[in-house]
Amino acid sequence: VERLEGVGVVLSLAEEVRAKYMGDIHQFMSGGWSEHGSAEINGELVERLRAHGVKARLARLGRHWVVVAEVEGREIVADAVPELSGLFNEVLPGPFVGTREEAKELYRA
């Protein structure tokens, strides 16, 4: 197994967490549980990142929770379930992993 470094670890773990909750995403979106859902799901991503030695924490973007992780000396934003932000009307093809600037662009309401 190839040892993933940096952003690869974050993306890989975000995809794992996303896959685990895929069946719940529609329920969270339609049930008005988006804020709770993003906190729970991205909270699990924080735990998994920490288990891999990555400094990570939850952060708010409006009513949505995302992960801020420190990778190779810089902060990146990760979100296993960007559709729970309420800015997208459909389920997206995957998680979001990018810089703070990219996150600000994407999540601008």
PDB file of N, CA and C in Angstrom:
ATOM      1  N   VAL A   1       0.852  -1.192   0.000  1.00  0.00           N
ATOM      2  CA  VAL A   1       0.000   0.000   0.000  1.00  0.00           C
ATOM      3  C   VAL A   1       0.884   1.237   0.000  1.00  0.00           C
ATOM      4  N   GLU A   2       0.630   2.114  -0.935  1.00  0.00           N
ATOM      5  CA  GLU A   2       1.408   3.354  -1.039  1.00  0.00           C
ATOM      6  C   GLU A   2       1.055   4.263   0.137  1.00  0.00           C
ATOM      7  N   ARG A   3       2.063   4.870   0.733  1.00  0.00           N
ATOM      8  CA  ARG A   3       1.853   5.773   1.867  1.00  0.00           C
ATOM      9  C   ARG A   3       1.444   7.135   1.328  1.00  0.00           C
ATOM     10  N   LEU A   4       0.211   7.505   1.608  1.00  0.00           N
ATOM     11  CA  LEU A   4      -0.265   8.808   1.140  1.00  0.00           C
ATOM     12  C   LEU A   4       0.327   9.914   1.992  1.00  0.00           C
ATOM     13  N   GLU A   5       0.688  10.991   1.350  1.00  0.00           N
ATOM     14  CA  GLU A   5       1.246  12.137   2.062  1.00  0.00           C
ATOM     15  C   GLU A   5       0.313  13.331   1.934  1.00  0.00           C
ATOM     16  N   GLY A   6       0.378  14.206   2.923  1.00  0.00           N
ATOM     17  CA  GLY A   6      -0.272  15.507   2.841  1.00  0.00           C
ATOM     18  C   GLY A   6      -1.716  15.497   2.393  1.00  0.00           C
ATOM     19  N   VAL A   7      -1.961  16.226   1.309  1.00  0.00           N
ATOM     20  CA  VAL A   7      -3.317  16.419   0.811  1.00  0.00           C
ATOM     21  C   VAL A   7      -3.940  15.083   0.412  1.00  0.00           C
ATOM     22  N   GLY A   8      -3.126  14.158  -0.065  1.00  0.00           N
ATOM     23  CA  GLY A   8      -3.631  12.835  -0.442  1.00  0.00           C
ATOM     24  C   GLY A   8      -4.313  12.129   0.713  1.00  0.00           C
ATOM     25  N   VAL A   9      -3.736  12.238   1.903  1.00  0.00           N
ATOM     26  CA  VAL A   9      -4.328  11.638   3.101  1.00  0.00           C
ATOM     27  C   VAL A   9      -5.691  12.268   3.372  1.00  0.00           C
ATOM     28  N   VAL A  10      -5.749  13.589   3.295  1.00  0.00           N
ATOM     29  CA  VAL A  10      -6.990  14.310   3.583  1.00  0.00           C
ATOM     30  C   VAL A  10      -8.078  13.898   2.593  1.00  0.00           C
ATOM     31  N   LEU A  11      -7.743  13.882   1.312  1.00  0.00           N
ATOM     32  CA  LEU A  11      -8.719  13.532   0.284  1.00  0.00           C
ATOM     33  C   LEU A  11      -9.194  12.089   0.448  1.00  0.00           C
ATOM     34  N   SER A  12      -8.256  11.193   0.677  1.00  0.00           N
ATOM     35  CA  SER A  12      -8.585   9.782   0.835  1.00  0.00           C
ATOM     36  C   SER A  12      -9.529   9.559   2.020  1.00  0.00           C
ATOM     37  N   LEU A  13      -9.219  10.179   3.155  1.00  0.00           N
ATOM     38  CA  LEU A  13     -10.068  10.019   4.340  1.00  0.00           C
ATOM     39  C   LEU A  13     -11.423  10.695   4.147  1.00  0.00           C
ATOM     40  N   ALA A  14     -11.449  11.842   3.466  1.00  0.00           N
ATOM     41  CA  ALA A  14     -12.718  12.522   3.189  1.00  0.00           C
ATOM     42  C   ALA A  14     -13.604  11.630   2.323  1.00  0.00           C
ATOM     43  N   GLU A  15     -13.005  10.938   1.358  1.00  0.00           N
ATOM     44  CA  GLU A  15     -13.768  10.033   0.495  1.00  0.00           C
ATOM     45  C   GLU A  15     -14.308   8.850   1.290  1.00  0.00           C
ATOM     46  N   GLU A  16     -13.500   8.307   2.212  1.00  0.00           N
ATOM     47  CA  GLU A  16     -13.951   7.188   3.058  1.00  0.00           C
ATOM     48  C   GLU A  16     -15.145   7.596   3.917  1.00  0.00           C
ATOM     49  N   VAL A  17     -15.025   8.748   4.578  1.00  0.00           N
ATOM     50  CA  VAL A  17     -16.102   9.220   5.454  1.00  0.00           C
ATOM     51  C   VAL A  17     -17.350   9.496   4.622  1.00  0.00           C
ATOM     52  N   ARG A  18     -17.172  10.118   3.477  1.00  0.00           N
ATOM     53  CA  ARG A  18     -18.295  10.427   2.587  1.00  0.00           C
ATOM     54  C   ARG A  18     -19.028   9.143   2.176  1.00  0.00           C
ATOM     55  N   ALA A  19     -18.256   8.126   1.796  1.00  0.00           N
ATOM     56  CA  ALA A  19     -18.856   6.859   1.358  1.00  0.00           C
ATOM     57  C   ALA A  19     -19.687   6.245   2.485  1.00  0.00           C
ATOM     58  N   LYS A  20     -19.173   6.346   3.707  1.00  0.00           N
ATOM     59  CA  LYS A  20     -19.882   5.783   4.859  1.00  0.00           C
ATOM     60  C   LYS A  20     -21.255   6.435   5.049  1.00  0.00           C
ATOM     61  N   TYR A  21     -21.337   7.742   4.808  1.00  0.00           N
ATOM     62  CA  TYR A  21     -22.578   8.490   5.066  1.00  0.00           C
ATOM     63  C   TYR A  21     -23.408   8.762   3.809  1.00  0.00           C
ATOM     64  N   MET A  22     -22.973   8.230   2.671  1.00  0.00           N
ATOM     65  CA  MET A  22     -23.636   8.546   1.400  1.00  0.00           C
ATOM     66  C   MET A  22     -25.150   8.350   1.477  1.00  0.00           C
ATOM     67  N   GLY A  23     -25.587   7.271   2.093  1.00  0.00           N
ATOM     68  CA  GLY A  23     -27.018   6.984   2.182  1.00  0.00           C
ATOM     69  C   GLY A  23     -27.788   7.992   3.018  1.00  0.00           C
ATOM     70  N   ASP A  24     -27.091   8.704   3.898  1.00  0.00           N
ATOM     71  CA  ASP A  24     -27.759   9.653   4.801  1.00  0.00           C
ATOM     72  C   ASP A  24     -27.820  11.069   4.232  1.00  0.00           C
ATOM     73  N   ILE A  25     -27.033  11.343   3.203  1.00  0.00           N
ATOM     74  CA  ILE A  25     -26.920  12.722   2.715  1.00  0.00           C
ATOM     75  C   ILE A  25     -28.274  13.285   2.292  1.00  0.00           C
ATOM     76  N   HIS A  26     -29.040  12.495   1.516  1.00  0.00           N
ATOM     77  CA  HIS A  26     -30.357  12.979   1.067  1.00  0.00           C
ATOM     78  C   HIS A  26     -31.268  13.263   2.254  1.00  0.00           C
ATOM     79  N   GLN A  27     -31.223  12.374   3.249  1.00  0.00           N
ATOM     80  CA  GLN A  27     -32.054  12.570   4.448  1.00  0.00           C
ATOM     81  C   GLN A  27     -31.675  13.853   5.169  1.00  0.00           C
ATOM     82  N   PHE A  28     -30.382  14.071   5.343  1.00  0.00           N
ATOM     83  CA  PHE A  28     -29.922  15.299   5.999  1.00  0.00           C
ATOM     84  C   PHE A  28     -30.380  16.521   5.204  1.00  0.00           C
ATOM     85  N   MET A  29     -30.261  16.446   3.864  1.00  0.00           N
ATOM     86  CA  MET A  29     -30.605  17.588   3.016  1.00  0.00           C
ATOM     87  C   MET A  29     -32.094  17.905   3.085  1.00  0.00           C
ATOM     88  N   SER A  30     -32.924  16.869   3.048  1.00  0.00           N
ATOM     89  CA  SER A  30     -34.371  17.105   3.006  1.00  0.00           C
ATOM     90  C   SER A  30     -34.962  17.301   4.392  1.00  0.00           C
ATOM     91  N   GLY A  31     -34.270  16.826   5.420  1.00  0.00           N
ATOM     92  CA  GLY A  31     -34.826  16.886   6.762  1.00  0.00           C
ATOM     93  C   GLY A  31     -34.444  18.113   7.564  1.00  0.00           C
ATOM     94  N   GLY A  32     -33.712  19.043   6.952  1.00  0.00           N
ATOM     95  CA  GLY A  32     -33.307  20.241   7.671  1.00  0.00           C
ATOM     96  C   GLY A  32     -32.250  19.962   8.730  1.00  0.00           C
ATOM     97  N   TRP A  33     -31.533  18.855   8.573  1.00  0.00           N
ATOM     98  CA  TRP A  33     -30.506  18.468   9.549  1.00  0.00           C
ATOM     99  C   TRP A  33     -29.108  18.785   9.052  1.00  0.00           C
ATOM    100  N   SER A  34     -29.023  19.669   8.080  1.00  0.00           N
ATOM    101  CA  SER A  34     -27.731  19.901   7.436  1.00  0.00           C
ATOM    102  C   SER A  34     -26.629  20.323   8.398  1.00  0.00           C
ATOM    103  N   GLU A  35     -26.953  21.262   9.291  1.00  0.00           N
ATOM    104  CA  GLU A  35     -25.930  21.769  10.221  1.00  0.00           C
ATOM    105  C   GLU A  35     -25.445  20.648  11.134  1.00  0.00           C
ATOM    106  N   HIS A  36     -26.399  19.918  11.702  1.00  0.00           N
ATOM    107  CA  HIS A  36     -26.068  18.786  12.565  1.00  0.00           C
ATOM    108  C   HIS A  36     -25.292  17.736  11.770  1.00  0.00           C
ATOM    109  N   GLY A  37     -25.752  17.469  10.556  1.00  0.00           N
ATOM    110  CA  GLY A  37     -25.111  16.457   9.712  1.00  0.00           C
ATOM    111  C   GLY A  37     -23.677  16.799   9.386  1.00  0.00           C
ATOM    112  N   SER A  38     -23.431  18.056   9.012  1.00  0.00           N
ATOM    113  CA  SER A  38     -22.065  18.441   8.651  1.00  0.00           C
ATOM    114  C   SER A  38     -21.148  18.382   9.873  1.00  0.00           C
ATOM    115  N   ALA A  39     -21.675  18.711  11.048  1.00  0.00           N
ATOM    116  CA  ALA A  39     -20.864  18.639  12.276  1.00  0.00           C
ATOM    117  C   ALA A  39     -20.512  17.188  12.595  1.00  0.00           C
ATOM    118  N   GLU A  40     -21.486  16.304  12.467  1.00  0.00           N
ATOM    119  CA  GLU A  40     -21.257  14.890  12.783  1.00  0.00           C
ATOM    120  C   GLU A  40     -20.296  14.242  11.784  1.00  0.00           C
ATOM    121  N   ILE A  41     -20.568  14.444  10.499  1.00  0.00           N
ATOM    122  CA  ILE A  41     -19.788  13.772   9.457  1.00  0.00           C
ATOM    123  C   ILE A  41     -18.376  14.341   9.369  1.00  0.00           C
ATOM    124  N   ASN A  42     -18.246  15.659   9.322  1.00  0.00           N
ATOM    125  CA  ASN A  42     -16.908  16.250   9.264  1.00  0.00           C
ATOM    126  C   ASN A  42     -16.180  16.095  10.596  1.00  0.00           C
ATOM    127  N   GLY A  43     -16.938  15.952  11.692  1.00  0.00           N
ATOM    128  CA  GLY A  43     -16.332  15.642  12.988  1.00  0.00           C
ATOM    129  C   GLY A  43     -15.631  14.294  12.952  1.00  0.00           C
ATOM    130  N   GLU A  44     -16.255  13.346  12.278  1.00  0.00           N
ATOM    131  CA  GLU A  44     -15.612  12.034  12.122  1.00  0.00           C
ATOM    132  C   GLU A  44     -14.353  12.150  11.265  1.00  0.00           C
ATOM    133  N   LEU A  45     -14.400  13.006  10.253  1.00  0.00           N
ATOM    134  CA  LEU A  45     -13.215  13.223   9.415  1.00  0.00           C
ATOM    135  C   LEU A  45     -12.071  13.802  10.254  1.00  0.00           C
ATOM    136  N   VAL A  46     -12.383  14.737  11.153  1.00  0.00           N
ATOM    137  CA  VAL A  46     -11.367  15.302  12.052  1.00  0.00           C
ATOM    138  C   VAL A  46     -10.715  14.183  12.868  1.00  0.00           C
ATOM    139  N   GLU A  47     -11.542  13.291  13.434  1.00  0.00           N
ATOM    140  CA  GLU A  47     -11.005  12.189  14.246  1.00  0.00           C
ATOM    141  C   GLU A  47     -10.088  11.289  13.428  1.00  0.00           C
ATOM    142  N   ARG A  48     -10.505  10.962  12.218  1.00  0.00           N
ATOM    143  CA  ARG A  48      -9.686  10.086  11.369  1.00  0.00           C
ATOM    144  C   ARG A  48      -8.376  10.760  10.975  1.00  0.00           C
ATOM    145  N   LEU A  49      -8.438  12.062  10.690  1.00  0.00           N
ATOM    146  CA  LEU A  49      -7.214  12.793  10.346  1.00  0.00           C
ATOM    147  C   LEU A  49      -6.249  12.798  11.525  1.00  0.00           C
ATOM    148  N   ARG A  50      -6.782  13.067  12.716  1.00  0.00           N
ATOM    149  CA  ARG A  50      -5.930  13.090  13.913  1.00  0.00           C
ATOM    150  C   ARG A  50      -5.290  11.728  14.152  1.00  0.00           C
ATOM    151  N   ALA A  51      -6.035  10.666  13.874  1.00  0.00           N
ATOM    152  CA  ALA A  51      -5.498   9.310  14.030  1.00  0.00           C
ATOM    153  C   ALA A  51      -4.333   9.076  13.065  1.00  0.00           C
ATOM    154  N   HIS A  52      -4.292   9.830  11.975  1.00  0.00           N
ATOM    155  CA  HIS A  52      -3.196   9.744  11.010  1.00  0.00           C
ATOM    156  C   HIS A  52      -2.119  10.793  11.284  1.00  0.00           C
ATOM    157  N   GLY A  53      -2.222  11.460  12.436  1.00  0.00           N
ATOM    158  CA  GLY A  53      -1.198  12.426  12.815  1.00  0.00           C
ATOM    159  C   GLY A  53      -1.346  13.795  12.175  1.00  0.00           C
ATOM    160  N   VAL A  54      -2.521  14.069  11.591  1.00  0.00           N
ATOM    161  CA  VAL A  54      -2.760  15.373  10.966  1.00  0.00           C
ATOM    162  C   VAL A  54      -3.458  16.287  11.969  1.00  0.00           C
ATOM    163  N   LYS A  55      -2.950  17.505  12.137  1.00  0.00           N
ATOM    164  CA  LYS A  55      -3.628  18.488  12.994  1.00  0.00           C
ATOM    165  C   LYS A  55      -4.882  18.947  12.278  1.00  0.00           C
ATOM    166  N   ALA A  56      -6.042  18.739  12.916  1.00  0.00           N
ATOM    167  CA  ALA A  56      -7.303  19.087  12.253  1.00  0.00           C
ATOM    168  C   ALA A  56      -8.318  19.540  13.289  1.00  0.00           C
ATOM    169  N   ARG A  57      -9.234  20.421  12.844  1.00  0.00           N
ATOM    170  CA  ARG A  57     -10.301  20.898  13.729  1.00  0.00           C
ATOM    171  C   ARG A  57     -11.520  21.236  12.889  1.00  0.00           C
ATOM    172  N   LEU A  58     -12.668  21.303  13.554  1.00  0.00           N
ATOM    173  CA  LEU A  58     -13.886  21.749  12.883  1.00  0.00           C
ATOM    174  C   LEU A  58     -13.913  23.273  12.854  1.00  0.00           C
ATOM    175  N   ALA A  59     -14.473  23.835  11.807  1.00  0.00           N
ATOM    176  CA  ALA A  59     -14.642  25.287  11.702  1.00  0.00           C
ATOM    177  C   ALA A  59     -15.980  25.556  11.024  1.00  0.00           C
ATOM    178  N   ARG A  60     -16.578  26.691  11.377  1.00  0.00           N
ATOM    179  CA  ARG A  60     -17.876  27.047  10.793  1.00  0.00           C
ATOM    180  C   ARG A  60     -17.715  27.890   9.540  1.00  0.00           C
ATOM    181  N   LEU A  61     -18.560  27.583   8.569  1.00  0.00           N
ATOM    182  CA  LEU A  61     -18.721  28.441   7.389  1.00  0.00           C
ATOM    183  C   LEU A  61     -20.205  28.737   7.344  1.00  0.00           C
ATOM    184  N   GLY A  62     -20.602  29.847   7.920  1.00  0.00           N
ATOM    185  CA  GLY A  62     -22.039  30.109   8.059  1.00  0.00           C
ATOM    186  C   GLY A  62     -22.637  29.092   9.015  1.00  0.00           C
ATOM    187  N   ARG A  63     -23.656  28.355   8.564  1.00  0.00           N
ATOM    188  CA  ARG A  63     -24.269  27.332   9.418  1.00  0.00           C
ATOM    189  C   ARG A  63     -23.682  25.955   9.141  1.00  0.00           C
ATOM    190  N   HIS A  64     -22.669  25.908   8.309  1.00  0.00           N
ATOM    191  CA  HIS A  64     -22.081  24.641   7.868  1.00  0.00           C
ATOM    192  C   HIS A  64     -20.747  24.421   8.582  1.00  0.00           C
ATOM    193  N   TRP A  65     -20.440  23.159   8.881  1.00  0.00           N
ATOM    194  CA  TRP A  65     -19.167  22.812   9.515  1.00  0.00           C
ATOM    195  C   TRP A  65     -18.235  22.175   8.500  1.00  0.00           C
ATOM    196  N   VAL A  66     -16.995  22.629   8.475  1.00  0.00           N
ATOM    197  CA  VAL A  66     -15.971  22.045   7.611  1.00  0.00           C
ATOM    198  C   VAL A  66     -14.757  21.697   8.471  1.00  0.00           C
ATOM    199  N   VAL A  67     -13.778  21.071   7.851  1.00  0.00           N
ATOM    200  CA  VAL A  67     -12.551  20.694   8.540  1.00  0.00           C
ATOM    201  C   VAL A  67     -11.425  21.614   8.080  1.00  0.00           C
ATOM    202  N   VAL A  68     -10.660  22.124   9.035  1.00  0.00           N
ATOM    203  CA  VAL A  68      -9.432  22.841   8.694  1.00  0.00           C
ATOM    204  C   VAL A  68      -8.288  21.946   9.159  1.00  0.00           C
ATOM    205  N   ALA A  69      -7.439  21.560   8.212  1.00  0.00           N
ATOM    206  CA  ALA A  69      -6.333  20.654   8.519  1.00  0.00           C
ATOM    207  C   ALA A  69      -5.018  21.332   8.163  1.00  0.00           C
ATOM    208  N   GLU A  70      -4.003  21.041   8.968  1.00  0.00           N
ATOM    209  CA  GLU A  70      -2.681  21.598   8.689  1.00  0.00           C
ATOM    210  C   GLU A  70      -1.870  20.542   7.949  1.00  0.00           C
ATOM    211  N   VAL A  71      -1.536  20.845   6.706  1.00  0.00           N
ATOM    212  CA  VAL A  71      -0.820  19.890   5.865  1.00  0.00           C
ATOM    213  C   VAL A  71       0.422  20.560   5.300  1.00  0.00           C
ATOM    214  N   GLU A  72       1.566  19.943   5.563  1.00  0.00           N
ATOM    215  CA  GLU A  72       2.839  20.471   5.067  1.00  0.00           C
ATOM    216  C   GLU A  72       2.990  21.962   5.359  1.00  0.00           C
ATOM    217  N   GLY A  73       2.613  22.360   6.585  1.00  0.00           N
ATOM    218  CA  GLY A  73       2.808  23.728   7.032  1.00  0.00           C
ATOM    219  C   GLY A  73       1.784  24.739   6.550  1.00  0.00           C
ATOM    220  N   ARG A  74       0.743  24.284   5.839  1.00  0.00           N
ATOM    221  CA  ARG A  74      -0.294  25.243   5.446  1.00  0.00           C
ATOM    222  C   ARG A  74      -1.673  24.671   5.737  1.00  0.00           C
ATOM    223  N   GLU A  75      -2.630  25.575   5.882  1.00  0.00           N
ATOM    224  CA  GLU A  75      -3.987  25.145   6.198  1.00  0.00           C
ATOM    225  C   GLU A  75      -4.772  24.850   4.932  1.00  0.00           C
ATOM    226  N   ILE A  76      -5.470  23.716   4.966  1.00  0.00           N
ATOM    227  CA  ILE A  76      -6.389  23.424   3.878  1.00  0.00           C
ATOM    228  C   ILE A  76      -7.765  23.148   4.475  1.00  0.00           C
ATOM    229  N   VAL A  77      -8.774  23.326   3.654  1.00  0.00           N
ATOM    230  CA  VAL A  77     -10.149  23.099   4.079  1.00  0.00           C
ATOM    231  C   VAL A  77     -10.630  21.814   3.422  1.00  0.00           C
ATOM    232  N   ALA A  78     -11.288  20.971   4.221  1.00  0.00           N
ATOM    233  CA  ALA A  78     -11.849  19.728   3.689  1.00  0.00           C
ATOM    234  C   ALA A  78     -13.303  19.630   4.118  1.00  0.00           C
ATOM    235  N   ASP A  79     -14.108  19.051   3.257  1.00  0.00           N
ATOM    236  CA  ASP A  79     -15.528  18.890   3.540  1.00  0.00           C
ATOM    237  C   ASP A  79     -15.994  17.602   2.883  1.00  0.00           C
ATOM    238  N   ALA A  80     -16.351  16.612   3.700  1.00  0.00           N
ATOM    239  CA  ALA A  80     -16.812  15.328   3.160  1.00  0.00           C
ATOM    240  C   ALA A  80     -18.185  15.463   2.514  1.00  0.00           C
ATOM    241  N   VAL A  81     -18.960  16.450   2.943  1.00  0.00           N
ATOM    242  CA  VAL A  81     -20.349  16.593   2.470  1.00  0.00           C
ATOM    243  C   VAL A  81     -20.686  18.046   2.108  1.00  0.00           C
ATOM    244  N   PRO A  82     -20.066  18.585   1.046  1.00  0.00           N
ATOM    245  CA  PRO A  82     -20.315  19.990   0.703  1.00  0.00           C
ATOM    246  C   PRO A  82     -21.783  20.296   0.409  1.00  0.00           C
ATOM    247  N   GLU A  83     -22.549  19.295  -0.032  1.00  0.00           N
ATOM    248  CA  GLU A  83     -23.951  19.575  -0.353  1.00  0.00           C
ATOM    249  C   GLU A  83     -24.767  19.947   0.874  1.00  0.00           C
ATOM    250  N   LEU A  84     -24.287  19.612   2.067  1.00  0.00           N
ATOM    251  CA  LEU A  84     -25.026  19.978   3.278  1.00  0.00           C
ATOM    252  C   LEU A  84     -24.881  21.463   3.613  1.00  0.00           C
ATOM    253  N   SER A  85     -24.043  22.177   2.880  1.00  0.00           N
ATOM    254  CA  SER A  85     -23.901  23.622   3.103  1.00  0.00           C
ATOM    255  C   SER A  85     -25.151  24.372   2.666  1.00  0.00           C
ATOM    256  N   GLY A  86     -26.011  23.715   1.894  1.00  0.00           N
ATOM    257  CA  GLY A  86     -27.227  24.355   1.413  1.00  0.00           C
ATOM    258  C   GLY A  86     -27.014  25.187   0.157  1.00  0.00           C
ATOM    259  N   LEU A  87     -25.792  25.182  -0.375  1.00  0.00           N
ATOM    260  CA  LEU A  87     -25.501  25.988  -1.562  1.00  0.00           C
ATOM    261  C   LEU A  87     -25.639  25.198  -2.860  1.00  0.00           C
ATOM    262  N   PHE A  88     -25.881  23.908  -2.732  1.00  0.00           N
ATOM    263  CA  PHE A  88     -25.982  23.060  -3.920  1.00  0.00           C
ATOM    264  C   PHE A  88     -27.306  22.308  -3.843  1.00  0.00           C
ATOM    265  N   ASN A  89     -27.984  22.178  -4.972  1.00  0.00           N
ATOM    266  CA  ASN A  89     -29.276  21.503  -4.955  1.00  0.00           C
ATOM    267  C   ASN A  89     -29.168  20.027  -5.282  1.00  0.00           C
ATOM    268  N   GLU A  90     -27.960  19.584  -5.591  1.00  0.00           N
ATOM    269  CA  GLU A  90     -27.808  18.176  -5.927  1.00  0.00           C
ATOM    270  C   GLU A  90     -26.646  17.596  -5.139  1.00  0.00           C
ATOM    271  N   VAL A  91     -26.562  16.275  -5.160  1.00  0.00           N
ATOM    272  CA  VAL A  91     -25.439  15.602  -4.523  1.00  0.00           C
ATOM    273  C   VAL A  91     -24.241  15.737  -5.462  1.00  0.00           C
ATOM    274  N   LEU A  92     -23.132  16.179  -4.924  1.00  0.00           N
ATOM    275  CA  LEU A  92     -21.937  16.442  -5.725  1.00  0.00           C
ATOM    276  C   LEU A  92     -21.145  15.152  -5.967  1.00  0.00           C
ATOM    277  N   PRO A  93     -20.221  15.178  -6.941  1.00  0.00           N
ATOM    278  CA  PRO A  93     -19.471  13.960  -7.252  1.00  0.00           C
ATOM    279  C   PRO A  93     -18.460  13.533  -6.182  1.00  0.00           C
ATOM    280  N   GLY A  94     -18.146  14.401  -5.238  1.00  0.00           N
ATOM    281  CA  GLY A  94     -17.170  13.997  -4.230  1.00  0.00           C
ATOM    282  C   GLY A  94     -16.979  15.049  -3.173  1.00  0.00           C
ATOM    283  N   PRO A  95     -16.032  14.811  -2.267  1.00  0.00           N
ATOM    284  CA  PRO A  95     -15.764  15.778  -1.203  1.00  0.00           C
ATOM    285  C   PRO A  95     -15.026  16.992  -1.757  1.00  0.00           C
ATOM    286  N   PHE A  96     -14.961  18.043  -0.944  1.00  0.00           N
ATOM    287  CA  PHE A  96     -14.173  19.223  -1.297  1.00  0.00           C
ATOM    288  C   PHE A  96     -12.895  19.214  -0.474  1.00  0.00           C
ATOM    289  N   VAL A  97     -11.764  19.425  -1.124  1.00  0.00           N
ATOM    290  CA  VAL A  97     -10.488  19.631  -0.436  1.00  0.00           C
ATOM    291  C   VAL A  97      -9.774  20.741  -1.194  1.00  0.00           C
ATOM    292  N   GLY A  98      -9.444  21.826  -0.497  1.00  0.00           N
ATOM    293  CA  GLY A  98      -8.774  22.930  -1.179  1.00  0.00           C
ATOM    294  C   GLY A  98      -8.256  23.960  -0.201  1.00  0.00           C
ATOM    295  N   THR A  99      -7.781  25.063  -0.751  1.00  0.00           N
ATOM    296  CA  THR A  99      -7.252  26.141   0.078  1.00  0.00           C
ATOM    297  C   THR A  99      -8.402  26.938   0.687  1.00  0.00           C
ATOM    298  N   ARG A 100      -8.068  27.796   1.637  1.00  0.00           N
ATOM    299  CA  ARG A 100      -9.080  28.692   2.223  1.00  0.00           C
ATOM    300  C   ARG A 100      -9.722  29.556   1.141  1.00  0.00           C
ATOM    301  N   GLU A 101      -8.890  30.036   0.205  1.00  0.00           N
ATOM    302  CA  GLU A 101      -9.393  30.905  -0.868  1.00  0.00           C
ATOM    303  C   GLU A 101     -10.392  30.147  -1.734  1.00  0.00           C
ATOM    304  N   GLU A 102     -10.047  28.903  -2.085  1.00  0.00           N
ATOM    305  CA  GLU A 102     -10.960  28.085  -2.891  1.00  0.00           C
ATOM    306  C   GLU A 102     -12.254  27.820  -2.133  1.00  0.00           C
ATOM    307  N   ALA A 103     -12.136  27.605  -0.835  1.00  0.00           N
ATOM    308  CA  ALA A 103     -13.331  27.364  -0.020  1.00  0.00           C
ATOM    309  C   ALA A 103     -14.216  28.607  -0.004  1.00  0.00           C
ATOM    310  N   LYS A 104     -13.599  29.778   0.155  1.00  0.00           N
ATOM    311  CA  LYS A 104     -14.384  31.022   0.174  1.00  0.00           C
ATOM    312  C   LYS A 104     -15.133  31.211  -1.141  1.00  0.00           C
ATOM    313  N   GLU A 105     -14.469  30.891  -2.256  1.00  0.00           N
ATOM    314  CA  GLU A 105     -15.118  30.980  -3.575  1.00  0.00           C
ATOM    315  C   GLU A 105     -16.312  30.034  -3.641  1.00  0.00           C
ATOM    316  N   LEU A 106     -16.070  28.775  -3.279  1.00  0.00           N
ATOM    317  CA  LEU A 106     -17.093  27.735  -3.411  1.00  0.00           C
ATOM    318  C   LEU A 106     -18.296  27.993  -2.518  1.00  0.00           C
ATOM    319  N   TYR A 107     -18.040  28.412  -1.285  1.00  0.00           N
ATOM    320  CA  TYR A 107     -19.121  28.510  -0.303  1.00  0.00           C
ATOM    321  C   TYR A 107     -19.737  29.902  -0.207  1.00  0.00           C
ATOM    322  N   ARG A 108     -19.342  30.781  -1.123  1.00  0.00           N
ATOM    323  CA  ARG A 108     -19.938  32.114  -1.110  1.00  0.00           C
ATOM    324  C   ARG A 108     -21.417  32.006  -1.431  1.00  0.00           C
ATOM    325  N   ALA A 109     -22.255  32.469  -0.543  1.00  0.00           N
ATOM    326  CA  ALA A 109     -23.707  32.342  -0.767  1.00  0.00           C
ATOM    327  C   ALA A 109     -24.175  33.414  -1.740  1.00  0.00           C
TER     328      ALA A 109
END
